[in-house]
Amino acid sequence: MPTVLRFDGLRVVIYPNDHRPSHVHVRGADGEAVFFLHCPDGPPELRESYGFKRTDLGRIAYRIAAALAELCTEWSKHHGDV
Protein backbone atom coordinates (compact mmCIF):
# COMPACT_ATOMS: atom_id res chain seq x y z
CA MET A 1 0.00 0.00 0.00
CA PRO A 2 1.83 3.09 -1.22
CA THR A 3 1.84 6.06 1.11
CA VAL A 4 1.08 9.08 -1.06
CA LEU A 5 0.99 11.79 1.63
CA ARG A 6 1.99 12.23 5.27
CA PHE A 7 0.94 14.94 7.70
CA ASP A 8 0.40 15.31 11.46
CA GLY A 9 1.44 11.70 12.11
CA LEU A 10 -1.06 10.37 9.56
CA ARG A 11 -0.49 8.34 6.40
CA VAL A 12 -2.63 8.73 3.31
CA VAL A 13 -2.55 5.55 1.26
CA ILE A 14 -3.94 4.23 -2.02
CA TYR A 15 -4.19 0.46 -2.33
CA PRO A 16 -2.92 -0.71 -5.74
CA ASN A 17 -5.71 -3.26 -6.29
CA ASP A 18 -8.53 -1.21 -4.78
CA HIS A 19 -11.93 -0.48 -6.32
CA ARG A 20 -13.34 2.65 -7.90
CA PRO A 21 -14.41 5.41 -7.35
CA SER A 22 -11.21 7.24 -6.51
CA HIS A 23 -10.58 7.36 -2.78
CA VAL A 24 -7.84 7.36 -0.15
CA HIS A 25 -7.40 5.69 3.22
CA VAL A 26 -6.08 7.89 6.03
CA ARG A 27 -4.42 5.88 8.79
CA GLY A 28 -3.15 7.02 12.15
CA ALA A 29 -2.72 5.81 15.70
CA ASP A 30 -6.25 6.92 16.61
CA GLY A 31 -8.14 5.46 13.68
CA GLU A 32 -8.74 5.17 9.98
CA ALA A 33 -10.91 7.12 7.57
CA VAL A 34 -11.77 6.75 3.90
CA PHE A 35 -12.41 9.78 1.70
CA PHE A 36 -13.88 9.76 -1.80
CA LEU A 37 -11.78 12.17 -3.86
CA HIS A 38 -14.31 13.13 -6.58
CA CYS A 39 -11.43 13.68 -9.00
CA PRO A 40 -10.48 15.94 -10.55
CA ASP A 41 -12.40 18.81 -8.95
CA GLY A 42 -13.46 17.46 -5.55
CA PRO A 43 -14.44 18.20 -2.94
CA PRO A 44 -13.32 15.15 -0.95
CA GLU A 45 -16.14 13.44 0.92
CA LEU A 46 -15.90 11.29 4.02
CA ARG A 47 -17.09 7.74 3.31
CA GLU A 48 -16.40 6.20 6.70
CA SER A 49 -14.29 6.66 9.79
CA TYR A 50 -13.25 4.61 12.80
CA GLY A 51 -11.71 6.21 15.85
CA PHE A 52 -11.12 9.79 14.68
CA LYS A 53 -12.86 12.67 16.44
CA ARG A 54 -15.07 15.01 14.43
CA THR A 55 -12.52 17.84 14.78
CA ASP A 56 -9.80 15.52 13.47
CA LEU A 57 -11.93 14.65 10.46
CA GLY A 58 -12.40 18.31 9.58
CA ARG A 59 -8.65 18.88 9.70
CA ILE A 60 -8.00 15.75 7.65
CA ALA A 61 -10.60 16.73 5.03
CA TYR A 62 -8.96 20.15 4.73
CA ARG A 63 -5.53 18.59 4.11
CA ILE A 64 -6.96 16.10 1.59
CA ALA A 65 -8.64 18.97 -0.28
CA ALA A 66 -5.39 20.95 -0.32
CA ALA A 67 -3.58 17.97 -1.89
CA LEU A 68 -6.43 16.92 -4.21
CA ALA A 69 -4.56 17.37 -7.51
CA GLU A 70 -1.61 15.32 -6.25
CA LEU A 71 -3.87 12.60 -4.86
CA CYS A 72 -5.87 12.36 -8.09
CA THR A 73 -2.61 12.02 -10.03
CA GLU A 74 -1.50 9.23 -7.71
CA TRP A 75 -4.85 7.46 -8.06
CA SER A 76 -4.49 7.60 -11.85
CA LYS A 77 -0.97 6.13 -11.67
CA HIS A 78 -2.33 3.07 -9.88
CA HIS A 79 -5.80 2.72 -11.42
CA GLY A 80 -5.86 4.58 -14.72
CA ASP A 81 -7.94 7.61 -15.57
CA VAL A 82 -10.47 8.73 -13.01
C-alpha atoms as a PDB file:
ATOM      1  CA  MET A   1       0.000   0.000   0.000  1.00  0.00           C
ATOM      2  CA  PRO A   2       1.827   3.088  -1.216  1.00  0.00           C
ATOM      3  CA  THR A   3       1.839   6.056   1.115  1.00  0.00           C
ATOM      4  CA  VAL A   4       1.084   9.082  -1.059  1.00  0.00           C
ATOM      5  CA  LEU A   5       0.986  11.787   1.630  1.00  0.00           C
ATOM      6  CA  ARG A   6       1.994  12.229   5.267  1.00  0.00           C
ATOM      7  CA  PHE A   7       0.935  14.937   7.702  1.00  0.00           C
ATOM      8  CA  ASP A   8       0.399  15.307  11.457  1.00  0.00           C
ATOM      9  CA  GLY A   9       1.441  11.702  12.109  1.00  0.00           C
ATOM     10  CA  LEU A  10      -1.063  10.369   9.557  1.00  0.00           C
ATOM     11  CA  ARG A  11      -0.487   8.342   6.400  1.00  0.00           C
ATOM     12  CA  VAL A  12      -2.635   8.730   3.308  1.00  0.00           C
ATOM     13  CA  VAL A  13      -2.554   5.546   1.257  1.00  0.00           C
ATOM     14  CA  ILE A  14      -3.941   4.225  -2.023  1.00  0.00           C
ATOM     15  CA  TYR A  15      -4.192   0.458  -2.329  1.00  0.00           C
ATOM     16  CA  PRO A  16      -2.920  -0.709  -5.744  1.00  0.00           C
ATOM     17  CA  ASN A  17      -5.706  -3.261  -6.293  1.00  0.00           C
ATOM     18  CA  ASP A  18      -8.529  -1.210  -4.778  1.00  0.00           C
ATOM     19  CA  HIS A  19     -11.930  -0.484  -6.320  1.00  0.00           C
ATOM     20  CA  ARG A  20     -13.337   2.650  -7.898  1.00  0.00           C
ATOM     21  CA  PRO A  21     -14.415   5.406  -7.349  1.00  0.00           C
ATOM     22  CA  SER A  22     -11.206   7.240  -6.514  1.00  0.00           C
ATOM     23  CA  HIS A  23     -10.580   7.359  -2.776  1.00  0.00           C
ATOM     24  CA  VAL A  24      -7.840   7.355  -0.149  1.00  0.00           C
ATOM     25  CA  HIS A  25      -7.402   5.694   3.217  1.00  0.00           C
ATOM     26  CA  VAL A  26      -6.082   7.887   6.034  1.00  0.00           C
ATOM     27  CA  ARG A  27      -4.419   5.883   8.792  1.00  0.00           C
ATOM     28  CA  GLY A  28      -3.152   7.024  12.152  1.00  0.00           C
ATOM     29  CA  ALA A  29      -2.719   5.809  15.703  1.00  0.00           C
ATOM     30  CA  ASP A  30      -6.245   6.924  16.605  1.00  0.00           C
ATOM     31  CA  GLY A  31      -8.142   5.463  13.678  1.00  0.00           C
ATOM     32  CA  GLU A  32      -8.743   5.174   9.976  1.00  0.00           C
ATOM     33  CA  ALA A  33     -10.911   7.115   7.566  1.00  0.00           C
ATOM     34  CA  VAL A  34     -11.775   6.745   3.904  1.00  0.00           C
ATOM     35  CA  PHE A  35     -12.410   9.775   1.702  1.00  0.00           C
ATOM     36  CA  PHE A  36     -13.881   9.765  -1.796  1.00  0.00           C
ATOM     37  CA  LEU A  37     -11.775  12.174  -3.863  1.00  0.00           C
ATOM     38  CA  HIS A  38     -14.305  13.129  -6.581  1.00  0.00           C
ATOM     39  CA  CYS A  39     -11.430  13.683  -8.998  1.00  0.00           C
ATOM     40  CA  PRO A  40     -10.484  15.941 -10.554  1.00  0.00           C
ATOM     41  CA  ASP A  41     -12.402  18.811  -8.949  1.00  0.00           C
ATOM     42  CA  GLY A  42     -13.459  17.461  -5.548  1.00  0.00           C
ATOM     43  CA  PRO A  43     -14.440  18.200  -2.935  1.00  0.00           C
ATOM     44  CA  PRO A  44     -13.317  15.151  -0.952  1.00  0.00           C
ATOM     45  CA  GLU A  45     -16.139  13.438   0.923  1.00  0.00           C
ATOM     46  CA  LEU A  46     -15.897  11.287   4.020  1.00  0.00           C
ATOM     47  CA  ARG A  47     -17.091   7.740   3.305  1.00  0.00           C
ATOM     48  CA  GLU A  48     -16.399   6.200   6.701  1.00  0.00           C
ATOM     49  CA  SER A  49     -14.287   6.662   9.793  1.00  0.00           C
ATOM     50  CA  TYR A  50     -13.252   4.610  12.798  1.00  0.00           C
ATOM     51  CA  GLY A  51     -11.707   6.215  15.852  1.00  0.00           C
ATOM     52  CA  PHE A  52     -11.117   9.787  14.683  1.00  0.00           C
ATOM     53  CA  LYS A  53     -12.859  12.675  16.439  1.00  0.00           C
ATOM     54  CA  ARG A  54     -15.074  15.006  14.427  1.00  0.00           C
ATOM     55  CA  THR A  55     -12.520  17.836  14.778  1.00  0.00           C
ATOM     56  CA  ASP A  56      -9.797  15.520  13.466  1.00  0.00           C
ATOM     57  CA  LEU A  57     -11.928  14.651  10.459  1.00  0.00           C
ATOM     58  CA  GLY A  58     -12.401  18.315   9.582  1.00  0.00           C
ATOM     59  CA  ARG A  59      -8.650  18.881   9.700  1.00  0.00           C
ATOM     60  CA  ILE A  60      -8.001  15.749   7.648  1.00  0.00           C
ATOM     61  CA  ALA A  61     -10.597  16.733   5.029  1.00  0.00           C
ATOM     62  CA  TYR A  62      -8.960  20.150   4.730  1.00  0.00           C
ATOM     63  CA  ARG A  63      -5.529  18.590   4.107  1.00  0.00           C
ATOM     64  CA  ILE A  64      -6.956  16.097   1.595  1.00  0.00           C
ATOM     65  CA  ALA A  65      -8.638  18.965  -0.282  1.00  0.00           C
ATOM     66  CA  ALA A  66      -5.388  20.947  -0.323  1.00  0.00           C
ATOM     67  CA  ALA A  67      -3.582  17.972  -1.894  1.00  0.00           C
ATOM     68  CA  LEU A  68      -6.429  16.918  -4.206  1.00  0.00           C
ATOM     69  CA  ALA A  69      -4.556  17.366  -7.510  1.00  0.00           C
ATOM     70  CA  GLU A  70      -1.606  15.321  -6.247  1.00  0.00           C
ATOM     71  CA  LEU A  71      -3.871  12.597  -4.855  1.00  0.00           C
ATOM     72  CA  CYS A  72      -5.869  12.356  -8.090  1.00  0.00           C
ATOM     73  CA  THR A  73      -2.609  12.016 -10.032  1.00  0.00           C
ATOM     74  CA  GLU A  74      -1.495   9.229  -7.706  1.00  0.00           C
ATOM     75  CA  TRP A  75      -4.847   7.463  -8.059  1.00  0.00           C
ATOM     76  CA  SER A  76      -4.489   7.602 -11.847  1.00  0.00           C
ATOM     77  CA  LYS A  77      -0.975   6.132 -11.675  1.00  0.00           C
ATOM     78  CA  HIS A  78      -2.330   3.072  -9.882  1.00  0.00           C
ATOM     79  CA  HIS A  79      -5.796   2.720 -11.420  1.00  0.00           C
ATOM     80  CA  GLY A  80      -5.864   4.582 -14.722  1.00  0.00           C
ATOM     81  CA  ASP A  81      -7.937   7.612 -15.574  1.00  0.00           C
ATOM     82  CA  VAL A  82     -10.469   8.733 -13.010  1.00  0.00           C
END
